Amino acid sequence: MDTGTTHDYLVRLRDVILHERECAKILDMQGMIEAMHTKEEIVKVLAHIKVIDEQDKPIAAQIRYENRRNAFLFKSTLGWIRQTMEFFGQKTVTSTYSAHGNTVASQVNGRLLSGRI
């Protein structure tokens, strides 16, 4: 990573976070991985800085906001994927009933995704 000022690193971090979200939206996994590595490098450099200038506080607040936006996007997407997988794992065959009105175990698995080939 090139040497630079704290302001330059903060601007670069903000830009990388925005780029990461754009990669996520278009499902560019390679771009997301590259953005993640770049973020890690910048954060390692910024970890040594204890106090930032007053003029850099607005950009730090923007970084916090954009990073939380990304976190919400990733968390909600993960929840959506989990719900989808639960849906496909549910039984599609309703319980059947015998002549006496009792439920009878279905002979068919009934799952959309059973794990079998």
PDB file of N, CA and C in Angstrom:
ATOM      1  N   MET A   1       0.846  -1.172   0.000  1.00  0.00           N
ATOM      2  CA  MET A   1       0.000   0.000   0.000  1.00  0.00           C
ATOM      3  C   MET A   1       0.891   1.234   0.000  1.00  0.00           C
ATOM      4  N   ASP A   2       0.520   2.222  -0.793  1.00  0.00           N
ATOM      5  CA  ASP A   2       1.300   3.445  -0.890  1.00  0.00           C
ATOM      6  C   ASP A   2       1.192   4.250   0.393  1.00  0.00           C
ATOM      7  N   THR A   3       2.232   5.041   0.658  1.00  0.00           N
ATOM      8  CA  THR A   3       2.166   5.932   1.801  1.00  0.00           C
ATOM      9  C   THR A   3       1.311   7.128   1.420  1.00  0.00           C
ATOM     10  N   GLY A   4       0.617   7.673   2.377  1.00  0.00           N
ATOM     11  CA  GLY A   4      -0.254   8.812   2.115  1.00  0.00           C
ATOM     12  C   GLY A   4      -0.736   9.395   3.425  1.00  0.00           C
ATOM     13  N   THR A   5      -1.560  10.399   3.308  1.00  0.00           N
ATOM     14  CA  THR A   5      -2.097  11.037   4.509  1.00  0.00           C
ATOM     15  C   THR A   5      -3.311  10.271   5.012  1.00  0.00           C
ATOM     16  N   THR A   6      -3.683  10.572   6.238  1.00  0.00           N
ATOM     17  CA  THR A   6      -4.863   9.942   6.816  1.00  0.00           C
ATOM     18  C   THR A   6      -6.085  10.239   5.962  1.00  0.00           C
ATOM     19  N   HIS A   7      -6.192  11.469   5.496  1.00  0.00           N
ATOM     20  CA  HIS A   7      -7.330  11.848   4.659  1.00  0.00           C
ATOM     21  C   HIS A   7      -7.384  10.991   3.394  1.00  0.00           C
ATOM     22  N   ASP A   8      -6.237  10.773   2.770  1.00  0.00           N
ATOM     23  CA  ASP A   8      -6.195   9.950   1.555  1.00  0.00           C
ATOM     24  C   ASP A   8      -6.660   8.521   1.833  1.00  0.00           C
ATOM     25  N   TYR A   9      -6.232   7.969   2.961  1.00  0.00           N
ATOM     26  CA  TYR A   9      -6.652   6.609   3.318  1.00  0.00           C
ATOM     27  C   TYR A   9      -8.153   6.551   3.599  1.00  0.00           C
ATOM     28  N   LEU A  10      -8.673   7.577   4.273  1.00  0.00           N
ATOM     29  CA  LEU A  10     -10.105   7.594   4.562  1.00  0.00           C
ATOM     30  C   LEU A  10     -10.932   7.702   3.283  1.00  0.00           C
ATOM     31  N   VAL A  11     -10.491   8.545   2.375  1.00  0.00           N
ATOM     32  CA  VAL A  11     -11.202   8.681   1.100  1.00  0.00           C
ATOM     33  C   VAL A  11     -11.147   7.366   0.333  1.00  0.00           C
ATOM     34  N   ARG A  12      -9.989   6.757   0.315  1.00  0.00           N
ATOM     35  CA  ARG A  12      -9.833   5.478  -0.395  1.00  0.00           C
ATOM     36  C   ARG A  12     -10.710   4.394   0.232  1.00  0.00           C
ATOM     37  N   LEU A  13     -10.779   4.366   1.562  1.00  0.00           N
ATOM     38  CA  LEU A  13     -11.614   3.386   2.257  1.00  0.00           C
ATOM     39  C   LEU A  13     -13.078   3.593   1.911  1.00  0.00           C
ATOM     40  N   ARG A  14     -13.537   4.837   1.906  1.00  0.00           N
ATOM     41  CA  ARG A  14     -14.928   5.120   1.538  1.00  0.00           C
ATOM     42  C   ARG A  14     -15.215   4.635   0.117  1.00  0.00           C
ATOM     43  N   ASP A  15     -14.298   4.935  -0.800  1.00  0.00           N
ATOM     44  CA  ASP A  15     -14.494   4.525  -2.190  1.00  0.00           C
ATOM     45  C   ASP A  15     -14.526   3.002  -2.337  1.00  0.00           C
ATOM     46  N   VAL A  16     -13.687   2.319  -1.580  1.00  0.00           N
ATOM     47  CA  VAL A  16     -13.657   0.855  -1.645  1.00  0.00           C
ATOM     48  C   VAL A  16     -14.948   0.273  -1.083  1.00  0.00           C
ATOM     49  N   ILE A  17     -15.478   0.852  -0.023  1.00  0.00           N
ATOM     50  CA  ILE A  17     -16.734   0.374   0.557  1.00  0.00           C
ATOM     51  C   ILE A  17     -17.873   0.555  -0.446  1.00  0.00           C
ATOM     52  N   LEU A  18     -17.905   1.685  -1.126  1.00  0.00           N
ATOM     53  CA  LEU A  18     -18.935   1.916  -2.147  1.00  0.00           C
ATOM     54  C   LEU A  18     -18.776   0.936  -3.309  1.00  0.00           C
ATOM     55  N   HIS A  19     -17.535   0.693  -3.703  1.00  0.00           N
ATOM     56  CA  HIS A  19     -17.267  -0.260  -4.789  1.00  0.00           C
ATOM     57  C   HIS A  19     -17.691  -1.674  -4.381  1.00  0.00           C
ATOM     58  N   GLU A  20     -17.436  -2.018  -3.128  1.00  0.00           N
ATOM     59  CA  GLU A  20     -17.815  -3.345  -2.626  1.00  0.00           C
ATOM     60  C   GLU A  20     -19.325  -3.553  -2.738  1.00  0.00           C
ATOM     61  N   ARG A  21     -20.108  -2.522  -2.400  1.00  0.00           N
ATOM     62  CA  ARG A  21     -21.553  -2.640  -2.490  1.00  0.00           C
ATOM     63  C   ARG A  21     -22.008  -2.797  -3.943  1.00  0.00           C
ATOM     64  N   GLU A  22     -21.385  -2.048  -4.835  1.00  0.00           N
ATOM     65  CA  GLU A  22     -21.738  -2.178  -6.252  1.00  0.00           C
ATOM     66  C   GLU A  22     -21.417  -3.588  -6.761  1.00  0.00           C
ATOM     67  N   CYS A  23     -20.285  -4.128  -6.333  1.00  0.00           N
ATOM     68  CA  CYS A  23     -19.933  -5.501  -6.725  1.00  0.00           C
ATOM     69  C   CYS A  23     -20.955  -6.491  -6.180  1.00  0.00           C
ATOM     70  N   ALA A  24     -21.412  -6.264  -4.958  1.00  0.00           N
ATOM     71  CA  ALA A  24     -22.407  -7.156  -4.360  1.00  0.00           C
ATOM     72  C   ALA A  24     -23.712  -7.087  -5.138  1.00  0.00           C
ATOM     73  N   LYS A  25     -24.098  -5.905  -5.566  1.00  0.00           N
ATOM     74  CA  LYS A  25     -25.362  -5.757  -6.277  1.00  0.00           C
ATOM     75  C   LYS A  25     -25.346  -6.458  -7.629  1.00  0.00           C
ATOM     76  N   ILE A  26     -24.195  -6.501  -8.275  1.00  0.00           N
ATOM     77  CA  ILE A  26     -24.124  -7.166  -9.587  1.00  0.00           C
ATOM     78  C   ILE A  26     -23.542  -8.582  -9.471  1.00  0.00           C
ATOM     79  N   LEU A  27     -23.373  -9.047  -8.227  1.00  0.00           N
ATOM     80  CA  LEU A  27     -22.876 -10.394  -7.929  1.00  0.00           C
ATOM     81  C   LEU A  27     -21.484 -10.648  -8.506  1.00  0.00           C
ATOM     82  N   ASP A  28     -20.636  -9.638  -8.442  1.00  0.00           N
ATOM     83  CA  ASP A  28     -19.244  -9.757  -8.889  1.00  0.00           C
ATOM     84  C   ASP A  28     -18.403 -10.219  -7.702  1.00  0.00           C
ATOM     85  N   MET A  29     -18.293 -11.532  -7.544  1.00  0.00           N
ATOM     86  CA  MET A  29     -17.601 -12.081  -6.380  1.00  0.00           C
ATOM     87  C   MET A  29     -16.109 -11.759  -6.393  1.00  0.00           C
ATOM     88  N   GLN A  30     -15.489 -11.794  -7.559  1.00  0.00           N
ATOM     89  CA  GLN A  30     -14.060 -11.475  -7.639  1.00  0.00           C
ATOM     90  C   GLN A  30     -13.816 -10.022  -7.213  1.00  0.00           C
ATOM     91  N   GLY A  31     -14.675  -9.121  -7.669  1.00  0.00           N
ATOM     92  CA  GLY A  31     -14.554  -7.717  -7.278  1.00  0.00           C
ATOM     93  C   GLY A  31     -14.752  -7.524  -5.792  1.00  0.00           C
ATOM     94  N   MET A  32     -15.684  -8.274  -5.204  1.00  0.00           N
ATOM     95  CA  MET A  32     -15.910  -8.179  -3.761  1.00  0.00           C
ATOM     96  C   MET A  32     -14.700  -8.673  -2.983  1.00  0.00           C
ATOM     97  N   ILE A  33     -14.094  -9.754  -3.448  1.00  0.00           N
ATOM     98  CA  ILE A  33     -12.915 -10.295  -2.763  1.00  0.00           C
ATOM     99  C   ILE A  33     -11.765  -9.289  -2.826  1.00  0.00           C
ATOM    100  N   GLU A  34     -11.565  -8.696  -4.000  1.00  0.00           N
ATOM    101  CA  GLU A  34     -10.503  -7.694  -4.141  1.00  0.00           C
ATOM    102  C   GLU A  34     -10.778  -6.487  -3.249  1.00  0.00           C
ATOM    103  N   ALA A  35     -12.033  -6.045  -3.198  1.00  0.00           N
ATOM    104  CA  ALA A  35     -12.392  -4.916  -2.337  1.00  0.00           C
ATOM    105  C   ALA A  35     -12.162  -5.256  -0.872  1.00  0.00           C
ATOM    106  N   MET A  36     -12.479  -6.481  -0.486  1.00  0.00           N
ATOM    107  CA  MET A  36     -12.277  -6.904   0.897  1.00  0.00           C
ATOM    108  C   MET A  36     -10.798  -6.867   1.274  1.00  0.00           C
ATOM    109  N   HIS A  37      -9.937  -7.354   0.362  1.00  0.00           N
ATOM    110  CA  HIS A  37      -8.499  -7.334   0.648  1.00  0.00           C
ATOM    111  C   HIS A  37      -7.973  -5.903   0.724  1.00  0.00           C
ATOM    112  N   THR A  38      -8.455  -5.056  -0.156  1.00  0.00           N
ATOM    113  CA  THR A  38      -8.033  -3.657  -0.127  1.00  0.00           C
ATOM    114  C   THR A  38      -8.477  -2.993   1.165  1.00  0.00           C
ATOM    115  N   LYS A  39      -9.719  -3.270   1.579  1.00  0.00           N
ATOM    116  CA  LYS A  39     -10.215  -2.716   2.845  1.00  0.00           C
ATOM    117  C   LYS A  39      -9.349  -3.167   4.012  1.00  0.00           C
ATOM    118  N   GLU A  40      -8.979  -4.438   4.034  1.00  0.00           N
ATOM    119  CA  GLU A  40      -8.154  -4.958   5.122  1.00  0.00           C
ATOM    120  C   GLU A  40      -6.820  -4.234   5.183  1.00  0.00           C
ATOM    121  N   GLU A  41      -6.211  -3.992   4.033  1.00  0.00           N
ATOM    122  CA  GLU A  41      -4.927  -3.284   3.999  1.00  0.00           C
ATOM    123  C   GLU A  41      -5.072  -1.862   4.533  1.00  0.00           C
ATOM    124  N   ILE A  42      -6.120  -1.175   4.104  1.00  0.00           N
ATOM    125  CA  ILE A  42      -6.325   0.212   4.546  1.00  0.00           C
ATOM    126  C   ILE A  42      -6.614   0.263   6.034  1.00  0.00           C
ATOM    127  N   VAL A  43      -7.427  -0.670   6.523  1.00  0.00           N
ATOM    128  CA  VAL A  43      -7.764  -0.684   7.947  1.00  0.00           C
ATOM    129  C   VAL A  43      -6.523  -0.966   8.792  1.00  0.00           C
ATOM    130  N   LYS A  44      -5.625  -1.806   8.298  1.00  0.00           N
ATOM    131  CA  LYS A  44      -4.380  -2.067   9.032  1.00  0.00           C
ATOM    132  C   LYS A  44      -3.572  -0.789   9.178  1.00  0.00           C
ATOM    133  N   VAL A  45      -3.529   0.013   8.131  1.00  0.00           N
ATOM    134  CA  VAL A  45      -2.789   1.279   8.190  1.00  0.00           C
ATOM    135  C   VAL A  45      -3.491   2.249   9.130  1.00  0.00           C
ATOM    136  N   LEU A  46      -4.820   2.342   9.010  1.00  0.00           N
ATOM    137  CA  LEU A  46      -5.575   3.297   9.827  1.00  0.00           C
ATOM    138  C   LEU A  46      -5.654   2.884  11.295  1.00  0.00           C
ATOM    139  N   ALA A  47      -5.400   1.621  11.592  1.00  0.00           N
ATOM    140  CA  ALA A  47      -5.473   1.152  12.979  1.00  0.00           C
ATOM    141  C   ALA A  47      -4.429   1.831  13.867  1.00  0.00           C
ATOM    142  N   HIS A  48      -3.364   2.312  13.271  1.00  0.00           N
ATOM    143  CA  HIS A  48      -2.301   2.956  14.052  1.00  0.00           C
ATOM    144  C   HIS A  48      -2.607   4.422  14.353  1.00  0.00           C
ATOM    145  N   ILE A  49      -3.632   4.960  13.765  1.00  0.00           N
ATOM    146  CA  ILE A  49      -3.977   6.366  13.962  1.00  0.00           C
ATOM    147  C   ILE A  49      -4.945   6.462  15.131  1.00  0.00           C
ATOM    148  N   LYS A  50      -4.572   7.255  16.123  1.00  0.00           N
ATOM    149  CA  LYS A  50      -5.381   7.376  17.335  1.00  0.00           C
ATOM    150  C   LYS A  50      -6.370   8.537  17.257  1.00  0.00           C
ATOM    151  N   VAL A  51      -5.959   9.646  16.647  1.00  0.00           N
ATOM    152  CA  VAL A  51      -6.803  10.845  16.585  1.00  0.00           C
ATOM    153  C   VAL A  51      -6.833  11.332  15.141  1.00  0.00           C
ATOM    154  N   ILE A  52      -8.041  11.652  14.670  1.00  0.00           N
ATOM    155  CA  ILE A  52      -8.130  12.199  13.320  1.00  0.00           C
ATOM    156  C   ILE A  52      -8.470  13.683  13.396  1.00  0.00           C
ATOM    157  N   ASP A  53      -8.129  14.405  12.349  1.00  0.00           N
ATOM    158  CA  ASP A  53      -8.400  15.845  12.286  1.00  0.00           C
ATOM    159  C   ASP A  53      -9.897  16.095  12.246  1.00  0.00           C
ATOM    160  N   GLU A  54     -10.277  17.296  12.681  1.00  0.00           N
ATOM    161  CA  GLU A  54     -11.686  17.679  12.649  1.00  0.00           C
ATOM    162  C   GLU A  54     -12.236  17.653  11.230  1.00  0.00           C
ATOM    163  N   GLN A  55     -11.412  18.024  10.263  1.00  0.00           N
ATOM    164  CA  GLN A  55     -11.889  18.060   8.881  1.00  0.00           C
ATOM    165  C   GLN A  55     -12.115  16.654   8.316  1.00  0.00           C
ATOM    166  N   ASP A  56     -11.530  15.643   8.939  1.00  0.00           N
ATOM    167  CA  ASP A  56     -11.706  14.264   8.475  1.00  0.00           C
ATOM    168  C   ASP A  56     -12.856  13.543   9.175  1.00  0.00           C
ATOM    169  N   LYS A  57     -13.428  14.147  10.211  1.00  0.00           N
ATOM    170  CA  LYS A  57     -14.516  13.490  10.944  1.00  0.00           C
ATOM    171  C   LYS A  57     -15.763  13.268  10.086  1.00  0.00           C
ATOM    172  N   PRO A  58     -16.129  14.217   9.209  1.00  0.00           N
ATOM    173  CA  PRO A  58     -17.303  13.934   8.355  1.00  0.00           C
ATOM    174  C   PRO A  58     -17.093  12.724   7.436  1.00  0.00           C
ATOM    175  N   ILE A  59     -15.902  12.568   6.897  1.00  0.00           N
ATOM    176  CA  ILE A  59     -15.657  11.404   6.033  1.00  0.00           C
ATOM    177  C   ILE A  59     -15.627  10.117   6.844  1.00  0.00           C
ATOM    178  N   ALA A  60     -15.138  10.186   8.084  1.00  0.00           N
ATOM    179  CA  ALA A  60     -15.162   9.010   8.955  1.00  0.00           C
ATOM    180  C   ALA A  60     -16.605   8.630   9.280  1.00  0.00           C
ATOM    181  N   ALA A  61     -17.467   9.626   9.481  1.00  0.00           N
ATOM    182  CA  ALA A  61     -18.883   9.350   9.733  1.00  0.00           C
ATOM    183  C   ALA A  61     -19.530   8.739   8.490  1.00  0.00           C
ATOM    184  N   GLN A  62     -19.144   9.216   7.330  1.00  0.00           N
ATOM    185  CA  GLN A  62     -19.680   8.659   6.090  1.00  0.00           C
ATOM    186  C   GLN A  62     -19.215   7.218   5.905  1.00  0.00           C
ATOM    187  N   ILE A  63     -17.967   6.936   6.254  1.00  0.00           N
ATOM    188  CA  ILE A  63     -17.452   5.568   6.174  1.00  0.00           C
ATOM    189  C   ILE A  63     -18.260   4.657   7.094  1.00  0.00           C
ATOM    190  N   ARG A  64     -18.510   5.117   8.306  1.00  0.00           N
ATOM    191  CA  ARG A  64     -19.294   4.324   9.263  1.00  0.00           C
ATOM    192  C   ARG A  64     -20.691   4.053   8.695  1.00  0.00           C
ATOM    193  N   TYR A  65     -21.328   5.088   8.130  1.00  0.00           N
ATOM    194  CA  TYR A  65     -22.665   4.950   7.574  1.00  0.00           C
ATOM    195  C   TYR A  65     -22.687   3.969   6.401  1.00  0.00           C
ATOM    196  N   GLU A  66     -21.749   4.129   5.466  1.00  0.00           N
ATOM    197  CA  GLU A  66     -21.715   3.256   4.289  1.00  0.00           C
ATOM    198  C   GLU A  66     -21.373   1.819   4.669  1.00  0.00           C
ATOM    199  N   ASN A  67     -20.502   1.656   5.648  1.00  0.00           N
ATOM    200  CA  ASN A  67     -20.141   0.311   6.095  1.00  0.00           C
ATOM    201  C   ASN A  67     -21.340  -0.375   6.743  1.00  0.00           C
ATOM    202  N   ARG A  68     -22.121   0.377   7.507  1.00  0.00           N
ATOM    203  CA  ARG A  68     -23.329  -0.185   8.114  1.00  0.00           C
ATOM    204  C   ARG A  68     -24.361  -0.526   7.050  1.00  0.00           C
ATOM    205  N   ARG A  69     -24.430   0.296   6.013  1.00  0.00           N
ATOM    206  CA  ARG A  69     -25.329  -0.007   4.900  1.00  0.00           C
ATOM    207  C   ARG A  69     -24.959  -1.329   4.249  1.00  0.00           C
ATOM    208  N   ASN A  70     -23.655  -1.513   4.027  1.00  0.00           N
ATOM    209  CA  ASN A  70     -23.190  -2.778   3.442  1.00  0.00           C
ATOM    210  C   ASN A  70     -23.512  -3.943   4.370  1.00  0.00           C
ATOM    211  N   ALA A  71     -23.275  -3.754   5.655  1.00  0.00           N
ATOM    212  CA  ALA A  71     -23.547  -4.820   6.621  1.00  0.00           C
ATOM    213  C   ALA A  71     -25.025  -5.193   6.595  1.00  0.00           C
ATOM    214  N   PHE A  72     -25.907  -4.192   6.517  1.00  0.00           N
ATOM    215  CA  PHE A  72     -27.338  -4.463   6.455  1.00  0.00           C
ATOM    216  C   PHE A  72     -27.686  -5.208   5.171  1.00  0.00           C
ATOM    217  N   LEU A  73     -27.087  -4.797   4.056  1.00  0.00           N
ATOM    218  CA  LEU A  73     -27.326  -5.474   2.780  1.00  0.00           C
ATOM    219  C   LEU A  73     -26.925  -6.942   2.861  1.00  0.00           C
ATOM    220  N   PHE A  74     -25.731  -7.195   3.396  1.00  0.00           N
ATOM    221  CA  PHE A  74     -25.244  -8.572   3.475  1.00  0.00           C
ATOM    222  C   PHE A  74     -26.080  -9.406   4.447  1.00  0.00           C
ATOM    223  N   LYS A  75     -26.451  -8.812   5.583  1.00  0.00           N
ATOM    224  CA  LYS A  75     -27.238  -9.542   6.580  1.00  0.00           C
ATOM    225  C   LYS A  75     -28.636  -9.849   6.046  1.00  0.00           C
ATOM    226  N   SER A  76     -29.281  -8.881   5.412  1.00  0.00           N
ATOM    227  CA  SER A  76     -30.623  -9.128   4.889  1.00  0.00           C
ATOM    228  C   SER A  76     -30.588 -10.124   3.735  1.00  0.00           C
ATOM    229  N   THR A  77     -29.553 -10.061   2.918  1.00  0.00           N
ATOM    230  CA  THR A  77     -29.416 -11.025   1.822  1.00  0.00           C
ATOM    231  C   THR A  77     -29.227 -12.431   2.373  1.00  0.00           C
ATOM    232  N   LEU A  78     -28.415 -12.558   3.396  1.00  0.00           N
ATOM    233  CA  LEU A  78     -28.213 -13.860   4.020  1.00  0.00           C
ATOM    234  C   LEU A  78     -29.523 -14.394   4.592  1.00  0.00           C
ATOM    235  N   GLY A  79     -30.298 -13.526   5.213  1.00  0.00           N
ATOM    236  CA  GLY A  79     -31.602 -13.935   5.736  1.00  0.00           C
ATOM    237  C   GLY A  79     -32.529 -14.393   4.625  1.00  0.00           C
ATOM    238  N   TRP A  80     -32.504 -13.680   3.511  1.00  0.00           N
ATOM    239  CA  TRP A  80     -33.335 -14.057   2.366  1.00  0.00           C
ATOM    240  C   TRP A  80     -32.916 -15.426   1.828  1.00  0.00           C
ATOM    241  N   ILE A  81     -31.612 -15.659   1.748  1.00  0.00           N
ATOM    242  CA  ILE A  81     -31.120 -16.963   1.275  1.00  0.00           C
ATOM    243  C   ILE A  81     -31.540 -18.065   2.234  1.00  0.00           C
ATOM    244  N   ARG A  82     -31.452 -17.812   3.526  1.00  0.00           N
ATOM    245  CA  ARG A  82     -31.861 -18.826   4.511  1.00  0.00           C
ATOM    246  C   ARG A  82     -33.347 -19.136   4.385  1.00  0.00           C
ATOM    247  N   GLN A  83     -34.171 -18.100   4.225  1.00  0.00           N
ATOM    248  CA  GLN A  83     -35.605 -18.325   4.065  1.00  0.00           C
ATOM    249  C   GLN A  83     -35.898 -19.131   2.807  1.00  0.00           C
ATOM    250  N   THR A  84     -35.176 -18.824   1.745  1.00  0.00           N
ATOM    251  CA  THR A  84     -35.372 -19.552   0.493  1.00  0.00           C
ATOM    252  C   THR A  84     -35.000 -21.020   0.666  1.00  0.00           C
ATOM    253  N   MET A  85     -33.876 -21.281   1.337  1.00  0.00           N
ATOM    254  CA  MET A  85     -33.461 -22.665   1.552  1.00  0.00           C
ATOM    255  C   MET A  85     -34.453 -23.397   2.454  1.00  0.00           C
ATOM    256  N   GLU A  86     -35.001 -22.699   3.452  1.00  0.00           N
ATOM    257  CA  GLU A  86     -36.006 -23.330   4.303  1.00  0.00           C
ATOM    258  C   GLU A  86     -37.253 -23.665   3.491  1.00  0.00           C
ATOM    259  N   PHE A  87     -37.629 -22.767   2.593  1.00  0.00           N
ATOM    260  CA  PHE A  87     -38.790 -23.019   1.738  1.00  0.00           C
ATOM    261  C   PHE A  87     -38.575 -24.263   0.892  1.00  0.00           C
ATOM    262  N   PHE A  88     -37.416 -24.366   0.273  1.00  0.00           N
ATOM    263  CA  PHE A  88     -37.153 -25.516  -0.579  1.00  0.00           C
ATOM    264  C   PHE A  88     -36.971 -26.796   0.236  1.00  0.00           C
ATOM    265  N   GLY A  89     -36.708 -26.675   1.526  1.00  0.00           N
ATOM    266  CA  GLY A  89     -36.564 -27.845   2.374  1.00  0.00           C
ATOM    267  C   GLY A  89     -37.872 -28.306   2.980  1.00  0.00           C
ATOM    268  N   GLN A  90     -38.915 -27.475   2.854  1.00  0.00           N
ATOM    269  CA  GLN A  90     -40.205 -27.845   3.425  1.00  0.00           C
ATOM    270  C   GLN A  90     -40.863 -28.949   2.609  1.00  0.00           C
ATOM    271  N   LYS A  91     -41.733 -29.662   3.279  1.00  0.00           N
ATOM    272  CA  LYS A  91     -42.486 -30.710   2.577  1.00  0.00           C
ATOM    273  C   LYS A  91     -43.536 -30.056   1.696  1.00  0.00           C
ATOM    274  N   THR A  92     -43.664 -30.584   0.503  1.00  0.00           N
ATOM    275  CA  THR A  92     -44.666 -30.054  -0.416  1.00  0.00           C
ATOM    276  C   THR A  92     -45.923 -30.914  -0.426  1.00  0.00           C
ATOM    277  N   VAL A  93     -45.847 -32.093   0.184  1.00  0.00           N
ATOM    278  CA  VAL A  93     -46.999 -32.977   0.237  1.00  0.00           C
ATOM    279  C   VAL A  93     -47.670 -32.780   1.591  1.00  0.00           C
ATOM    280  N   THR A  94     -48.932 -32.449   1.556  1.00  0.00           N
ATOM    281  CA  THR A  94     -49.646 -32.287   2.816  1.00  0.00           C
ATOM    282  C   THR A  94     -49.883 -33.654   3.434  1.00  0.00           C
ATOM    283  N   SER A  95     -50.219 -33.648   4.696  1.00  0.00           N
ATOM    284  CA  SER A  95     -50.521 -34.910   5.372  1.00  0.00           C
ATOM    285  C   SER A  95     -51.742 -35.545   4.719  1.00  0.00           C
ATOM    286  N   THR A  96     -51.688 -36.840   4.590  1.00  0.00           N
ATOM    287  CA  THR A  96     -52.837 -37.556   4.046  1.00  0.00           C
ATOM    288  C   THR A  96     -53.590 -38.204   5.190  1.00  0.00           C
ATOM    289  N   TYR A  97     -54.847 -38.530   4.936  1.00  0.00           N
ATOM    290  CA  TYR A  97     -55.697 -39.060   5.991  1.00  0.00           C
ATOM    291  C   TYR A  97     -56.206 -40.443   5.612  1.00  0.00           C
ATOM    292  N   SER A  98     -56.377 -41.272   6.613  1.00  0.00           N
ATOM    293  CA  SER A  98     -56.916 -42.626   6.397  1.00  0.00           C
ATOM    294  C   SER A  98     -58.440 -42.550   6.349  1.00  0.00           C
ATOM    295  N   ALA A  99     -59.047 -43.690   6.139  1.00  0.00           N
ATOM    296  CA  ALA A  99     -60.510 -43.751   6.090  1.00  0.00           C
ATOM    297  C   ALA A  99     -61.130 -43.381   7.431  1.00  0.00           C
ATOM    298  N   HIS A 100     -60.346 -43.518   8.504  1.00  0.00           N
ATOM    299  CA  HIS A 100     -60.862 -43.216   9.844  1.00  0.00           C
ATOM    300  C   HIS A 100     -60.545 -41.792  10.286  1.00  0.00           C
ATOM    301  N   GLY A 101     -59.930 -40.996   9.422  1.00  0.00           N
ATOM    302  CA  GLY A 101     -59.641 -39.606   9.742  1.00  0.00           C
ATOM    303  C   GLY A 101     -58.311 -39.383  10.431  1.00  0.00           C
ATOM    304  N   ASN A 102     -57.520 -40.435  10.587  1.00  0.00           N
ATOM    305  CA  ASN A 102     -56.199 -40.292  11.196  1.00  0.00           C
ATOM    306  C   ASN A 102     -55.188 -39.897  10.119  1.00  0.00           C
ATOM    307  N   THR A 103     -54.144 -39.193  10.545  1.00  0.00           N
ATOM    308  CA  THR A 103     -53.102 -38.841   9.575  1.00  0.00           C
ATOM    309  C   THR A 103     -52.258 -40.068   9.277  1.00  0.00           C
ATOM    310  N   VAL A 104     -51.836 -40.159   8.037  1.00  0.00           N
ATOM    311  CA  VAL A 104     -51.033 -41.284   7.584  1.00  0.00           C
ATOM    312  C   VAL A 104     -49.715 -40.735   7.071  1.00  0.00           C
ATOM    313  N   ALA A 105     -48.640 -41.395   7.456  1.00  0.00           N
ATOM    314  CA  ALA A 105     -47.322 -40.950   6.986  1.00  0.00           C
ATOM    315  C   ALA A 105     -47.258 -41.081   5.477  1.00  0.00           C
ATOM    316  N   SER A 106     -46.776 -40.042   4.831  1.00  0.00           N
ATOM    317  CA  SER A 106     -46.679 -40.050   3.374  1.00  0.00           C
ATOM    318  C   SER A 106     -45.514 -40.918   2.946  1.00  0.00           C
ATOM    319  N   GLN A 107     -45.694 -41.655   1.876  1.00  0.00           N
ATOM    320  CA  GLN A 107     -44.635 -42.496   1.357  1.00  0.00           C
ATOM    321  C   GLN A 107     -43.656 -41.702   0.499  1.00  0.00           C
ATOM    322  N   VAL A 108     -44.041 -40.504   0.097  1.00  0.00           N
ATOM    323  CA  VAL A 108     -43.218 -39.657  -0.764  1.00  0.00           C
ATOM    324  C   VAL A 108     -42.497 -38.668   0.132  1.00  0.00           C
ATOM    325  N   ASN A 109     -41.230 -38.413  -0.178  1.00  0.00           N
ATOM    326  CA  ASN A 109     -40.460 -37.447   0.606  1.00  0.00           C
ATOM    327  C   ASN A 109     -41.131 -36.086   0.547  1.00  0.00           C
ATOM    328  N   GLY A 110     -41.465 -35.626  -0.644  1.00  0.00           N
ATOM    329  CA  GLY A 110     -42.203 -34.405  -0.777  1.00  0.00           C
ATOM    330  C   GLY A 110     -41.393 -33.133  -0.691  1.00  0.00           C
ATOM    331  N   ARG A 111     -40.116 -33.224  -0.560  1.00  0.00           N
ATOM    332  CA  ARG A 111     -39.288 -32.017  -0.486  1.00  0.00           C
ATOM    333  C   ARG A 111     -38.874 -31.598  -1.883  1.00  0.00           C
ATOM    334  N   LEU A 112     -38.826 -30.283  -2.065  1.00  0.00           N
ATOM    335  CA  LEU A 112     -38.358 -29.786  -3.355  1.00  0.00           C
ATOM    336  C   LEU A 112     -36.888 -30.102  -3.545  1.00  0.00           C
ATOM    337  N   LEU A 113     -36.102 -29.988  -2.476  1.00  0.00           N
ATOM    338  CA  LEU A 113     -34.692 -30.358  -2.519  1.00  0.00           C
ATOM    339  C   LEU A 113     -34.478 -31.442  -1.466  1.00  0.00           C
ATOM    340  N   SER A 114     -34.255 -32.654  -1.897  1.00  0.00           N
ATOM    341  CA  SER A 114     -34.116 -33.744  -0.942  1.00  0.00           C
ATOM    342  C   SER A 114     -32.665 -34.114  -0.681  1.00  0.00           C
ATOM    343  N   GLY A 115     -31.758 -33.658  -1.512  1.00  0.00           N
ATOM    344  CA  GLY A 115     -30.358 -34.030  -1.348  1.00  0.00           C
ATOM    345  C   GLY A 115     -30.028 -35.322  -2.045  1.00  0.00           C
ATOM    346  N   ARG A 116     -30.997 -35.949  -2.686  1.00  0.00           N
ATOM    347  CA  ARG A 116     -30.772 -37.194  -3.405  1.00  0.00           C
ATOM    348  C   ARG A 116     -30.729 -36.922  -4.893  1.00  0.00           C
ATOM    349  N   ILE A 117     -30.011 -37.770  -5.579  1.00  0.00           N
ATOM    350  CA  ILE A 117     -29.924 -37.647  -7.021  1.00  0.00           C
ATOM    351  C   ILE A 117     -30.795 -38.708  -7.666  1.00  0.00           C
TER     352      ILE A 117
END
